[in-house]
Amino acid sequence: MDIKISQPTAKEVREKEIAQWAIWTSDVDEFDWEYLTCEQCYILEGEVEVLVGDEIVRIQPGDFVEFPRGLRCRWHVLQPIRKHFQML
């Protein structure tokens, strides 16, 4: 299961109405997570490393991230994070 990351343009962010999505925040932390549904999110602030198996995925401001349903991973929040998100 792959995490998809892209860097949308300002126009794409407006078209997806991302500013209307819910906001989630976390201080520096480390935790296990499983996605029971697909999630899309847009990173506003902070930095995270997500460990999936042996692979580390780094997520930073400006990233649009898609997590597939059923993904099990470990989040390592390196800098306090703030993101818009929606569950699909």
Foldseek 3Di string as FASTA:
>chain_A
DDKDKDQDDPVVCVVVVLVPFDKDKDAFDKAKDAAQFKKWKAWQAFWKWKAQPNDTDIDGHRIIIIDHHGGIIMIGTPGITMMGMDTD
